[in-house]
Amino acid sequence: MNVYESAVERYFAAWNTLAPEDLAEAVARAWTEDGAYTDPLVRARGHEQLAAVIAAVHEQFPGFEFRPTGKVDGHHDIARFTWDLVSTADGSSPAAGFDVITLAEDGRIVSVQGFLDRAPGA
């Protein structure tokens, strides 16, 4: 596994963590202390805000998880990848998109730029 795949694996682990104490640890493993996340619906910076955004998504979509849908493509300190938000009960997927991440020297995420290809109500 290369540095890009490892970073994306930790990213999905954070997004799919439910317990608050585990979420804080998963976010810290995935992002730098001042890491940021931006998509058309939200902007967050720092571990506390990132964990709050992830928790809010799980409140809105209980029983769903984020799954990668293709290969991670990376160069220099950036990578891109695609994902689906999938119901663990019936496989439905109300949202999908792609993200572009920038990595720090230690392999953690400095920033995420998220794009929604499919979203509920869109």
C-alpha atoms as a PDB file:
ATOM      1  CA  MET A   1       0.000   0.000   0.000  1.00  0.00           C
ATOM      2  CA  ASN A   2       1.420   3.409  -0.934  1.00  0.00           C
ATOM      3  CA  VAL A   3       1.173   6.662   1.031  1.00  0.00           C
ATOM      4  CA  TYR A   4      -1.937   7.782  -0.899  1.00  0.00           C
ATOM      5  CA  GLU A   5      -3.832   4.525  -0.367  1.00  0.00           C
ATOM      6  CA  SER A   6      -2.874   4.509   3.304  1.00  0.00           C
ATOM      7  CA  ALA A   7      -4.139   8.079   3.777  1.00  0.00           C
ATOM      8  CA  VAL A   8      -7.415   7.275   2.008  1.00  0.00           C
ATOM      9  CA  GLU A   9      -7.861   4.116   4.085  1.00  0.00           C
ATOM     10  CA  ARG A  10      -7.540   6.172   7.301  1.00  0.00           C
ATOM     11  CA  TYR A  11      -9.910   8.772   5.813  1.00  0.00           C
ATOM     12  CA  PHE A  12     -12.645   6.163   5.205  1.00  0.00           C
ATOM     13  CA  ALA A  13     -12.003   4.660   8.641  1.00  0.00           C
ATOM     14  CA  ALA A  14     -12.709   8.073  10.177  1.00  0.00           C
ATOM     15  CA  TRP A  15     -15.857   8.623   8.116  1.00  0.00           C
ATOM     16  CA  ASN A  16     -17.147   5.171   9.092  1.00  0.00           C
ATOM     17  CA  THR A  17     -16.464   5.427  12.832  1.00  0.00           C
ATOM     18  CA  LEU A  18     -19.540   5.773  15.028  1.00  0.00           C
ATOM     19  CA  ALA A  19     -18.467   5.863  18.690  1.00  0.00           C
ATOM     20  CA  PRO A  20     -17.438   9.399  19.756  1.00  0.00           C
ATOM     21  CA  GLU A  21     -14.260   8.306  21.585  1.00  0.00           C
ATOM     22  CA  ASP A  22     -13.197   6.172  18.606  1.00  0.00           C
ATOM     23  CA  LEU A  23     -14.094   8.955  16.184  1.00  0.00           C
ATOM     24  CA  ALA A  24     -11.749  11.430  17.870  1.00  0.00           C
ATOM     25  CA  GLU A  25      -8.887   8.932  17.521  1.00  0.00           C
ATOM     26  CA  ALA A  26      -9.746   8.092  13.913  1.00  0.00           C
ATOM     27  CA  VAL A  27      -9.854  11.776  12.966  1.00  0.00           C
ATOM     28  CA  ALA A  28      -6.470  12.356  14.623  1.00  0.00           C
ATOM     29  CA  ARG A  29      -4.971   9.438  12.671  1.00  0.00           C
ATOM     30  CA  ALA A  30      -6.360  10.738   9.371  1.00  0.00           C
ATOM     31  CA  TRP A  31      -5.924  14.541   9.609  1.00  0.00           C
ATOM     32  CA  THR A  32      -3.286  16.951  10.849  1.00  0.00           C
ATOM     33  CA  GLU A  33      -4.325  19.064  13.873  1.00  0.00           C
ATOM     34  CA  ASP A  34      -5.413  21.952  11.641  1.00  0.00           C
ATOM     35  CA  GLY A  35      -6.704  19.698   8.853  1.00  0.00           C
ATOM     36  CA  ALA A  36      -9.625  20.949   6.804  1.00  0.00           C
ATOM     37  CA  TYR A  37     -12.601  19.545   4.917  1.00  0.00           C
ATOM     38  CA  THR A  38     -14.654  21.471   2.348  1.00  0.00           C
ATOM     39  CA  ASP A  39     -17.521  20.312   0.148  1.00  0.00           C
ATOM     40  CA  PRO A  40     -20.557  22.142  -1.296  1.00  0.00           C
ATOM     41  CA  LEU A  41     -22.470  21.675   1.985  1.00  0.00           C
ATOM     42  CA  VAL A  42     -19.907  22.202   4.749  1.00  0.00           C
ATOM     43  CA  ARG A  43     -16.539  23.603   5.702  1.00  0.00           C
ATOM     44  CA  ALA A  44     -14.666  22.360   8.778  1.00  0.00           C
ATOM     45  CA  ARG A  45     -11.189  22.844  10.242  1.00  0.00           C
ATOM     46  CA  GLY A  46      -9.508  21.073  13.138  1.00  0.00           C
ATOM     47  CA  HIS A  47     -10.194  17.723  14.751  1.00  0.00           C
ATOM     48  CA  GLU A  48     -13.203  18.870  16.782  1.00  0.00           C
ATOM     49  CA  GLN A  49     -15.054  20.357  13.802  1.00  0.00           C
ATOM     50  CA  LEU A  50     -14.161  17.402  11.580  1.00  0.00           C
ATOM     51  CA  ALA A  51     -15.500  14.912  14.129  1.00  0.00           C
ATOM     52  CA  ALA A  52     -18.682  16.995  14.491  1.00  0.00           C
ATOM     53  CA  VAL A  53     -19.276  16.948  10.723  1.00  0.00           C
ATOM     54  CA  ILE A  54     -18.774  13.184  10.555  1.00  0.00           C
ATOM     55  CA  ALA A  55     -21.112  12.627  13.526  1.00  0.00           C
ATOM     56  CA  ALA A  56     -23.763  14.838  11.885  1.00  0.00           C
ATOM     57  CA  VAL A  57     -23.598  12.807   8.672  1.00  0.00           C
ATOM     58  CA  HIS A  58     -24.145   9.608  10.664  1.00  0.00           C
ATOM     59  CA  GLU A  59     -27.155  11.227  12.376  1.00  0.00           C
ATOM     60  CA  GLN A  60     -28.601  12.154   8.984  1.00  0.00           C
ATOM     61  CA  PHE A  61     -27.784   8.755   7.433  1.00  0.00           C
ATOM     62  CA  PRO A  62     -27.951   6.084  10.149  1.00  0.00           C
ATOM     63  CA  GLY A  63     -26.931   2.652   8.903  1.00  0.00           C
ATOM     64  CA  PHE A  64     -24.899   4.019   5.992  1.00  0.00           C
ATOM     65  CA  GLU A  65     -21.171   3.827   5.348  1.00  0.00           C
ATOM     66  CA  PHE A  66     -18.751   5.436   2.926  1.00  0.00           C
ATOM     67  CA  ARG A  67     -17.128   3.062   0.449  1.00  0.00           C
ATOM     68  CA  PRO A  68     -14.373   3.718  -2.083  1.00  0.00           C
ATOM     69  CA  THR A  69     -15.470   3.012  -5.652  1.00  0.00           C
ATOM     70  CA  GLY A  70     -12.226   3.055  -7.586  1.00  0.00           C
ATOM     71  CA  LYS A  71      -8.498   3.288  -7.326  1.00  0.00           C
ATOM     72  CA  VAL A  72      -6.677   6.075  -5.535  1.00  0.00           C
ATOM     73  CA  ASP A  73      -4.732   8.275  -7.947  1.00  0.00           C
ATOM     74  CA  GLY A  74      -1.924  10.355  -6.442  1.00  0.00           C
ATOM     75  CA  HIS A  75       1.211  12.316  -7.160  1.00  0.00           C
ATOM     76  CA  HIS A  76       3.417  14.655  -5.159  1.00  0.00           C
ATOM     77  CA  ASP A  77       1.368  15.510  -2.055  1.00  0.00           C
ATOM     78  CA  ILE A  78      -2.130  15.170  -3.583  1.00  0.00           C
ATOM     79  CA  ALA A  79      -4.512  12.322  -4.347  1.00  0.00           C
ATOM     80  CA  ARG A  80      -8.013  11.861  -5.665  1.00  0.00           C
ATOM     81  CA  PHE A  81     -10.562   9.080  -5.264  1.00  0.00           C
ATOM     82  CA  THR A  82     -14.266   8.336  -5.672  1.00  0.00           C
ATOM     83  CA  TRP A  83     -16.794   7.107  -3.120  1.00  0.00           C
ATOM     84  CA  ASP A  84     -20.410   6.108  -2.521  1.00  0.00           C
ATOM     85  CA  LEU A  85     -22.508   6.480   0.632  1.00  0.00           C
ATOM     86  CA  VAL A  86     -24.152   3.050   0.917  1.00  0.00           C
ATOM     87  CA  SER A  87     -26.887   1.583   3.126  1.00  0.00           C
ATOM     88  CA  THR A  88     -25.613  -1.461   4.982  1.00  0.00           C
ATOM     89  CA  ALA A  89     -29.227  -2.761   5.042  1.00  0.00           C
ATOM     90  CA  ASP A  90     -30.264  -2.621   1.391  1.00  0.00           C
ATOM     91  CA  GLY A  91     -27.281  -1.336  -0.634  1.00  0.00           C
ATOM     92  CA  SER A  92     -29.025   1.864  -1.708  1.00  0.00           C
ATOM     93  CA  SER A  93     -26.732   4.820  -2.303  1.00  0.00           C
ATOM     94  CA  PRO A  94     -28.180   8.329  -1.971  1.00  0.00           C
ATOM     95  CA  ALA A  95     -24.845  10.109  -2.410  1.00  0.00           C
ATOM     96  CA  ALA A  96     -21.637   9.724  -4.380  1.00  0.00           C
ATOM     97  CA  GLY A  97     -18.713  11.912  -5.253  1.00  0.00           C
ATOM     98  CA  PHE A  98     -14.991  12.353  -5.413  1.00  0.00           C
ATOM     99  CA  ASP A  99     -12.492  13.970  -3.109  1.00  0.00           C
ATOM    100  CA  VAL A 100      -9.080  15.520  -3.597  1.00  0.00           C
ATOM    101  CA  ILE A 101      -6.741  15.431  -0.608  1.00  0.00           C
ATOM    102  CA  THR A 102      -3.477  17.174   0.177  1.00  0.00           C
ATOM    103  CA  LEU A 103      -1.067  15.333   2.458  1.00  0.00           C
ATOM    104  CA  ALA A 104       1.436  16.471   5.047  1.00  0.00           C
ATOM    105  CA  GLU A 105       4.913  14.951   5.194  1.00  0.00           C
ATOM    106  CA  ASP A 106       3.721  12.454   7.821  1.00  0.00           C
ATOM    107  CA  GLY A 107       1.018  11.156   5.441  1.00  0.00           C
ATOM    108  CA  ARG A 108      -1.921  12.697   7.279  1.00  0.00           C
ATOM    109  CA  ILE A 109      -4.426  14.878   5.474  1.00  0.00           C
ATOM    110  CA  VAL A 110      -3.961  18.641   5.452  1.00  0.00           C
ATOM    111  CA  SER A 111      -7.054  19.370   3.367  1.00  0.00           C
ATOM    112  CA  VAL A 112      -9.931  17.713   1.542  1.00  0.00           C
ATOM    113  CA  GLN A 113     -11.844  19.245  -1.332  1.00  0.00           C
ATOM    114  CA  GLY A 114     -15.041  17.228  -1.756  1.00  0.00           C
ATOM    115  CA  PHE A 115     -17.320  17.169  -4.800  1.00  0.00           C
ATOM    116  CA  LEU A 116     -20.812  15.657  -4.909  1.00  0.00           C
ATOM    117  CA  ASP A 117     -21.794  13.804  -8.071  1.00  0.00           C
ATOM    118  CA  ARG A 118     -25.062  12.645  -6.518  1.00  0.00           C
ATOM    119  CA  ALA A 119     -26.777  14.004  -3.417  1.00  0.00           C
ATOM    120  CA  PRO A 120     -30.211  13.577  -1.794  1.00  0.00           C
ATOM    121  CA  GLY A 121     -32.710  16.093  -3.099  1.00  0.00           C
ATOM    122  CA  ALA A 122     -30.400  17.287  -5.892  1.00  0.00           C
END
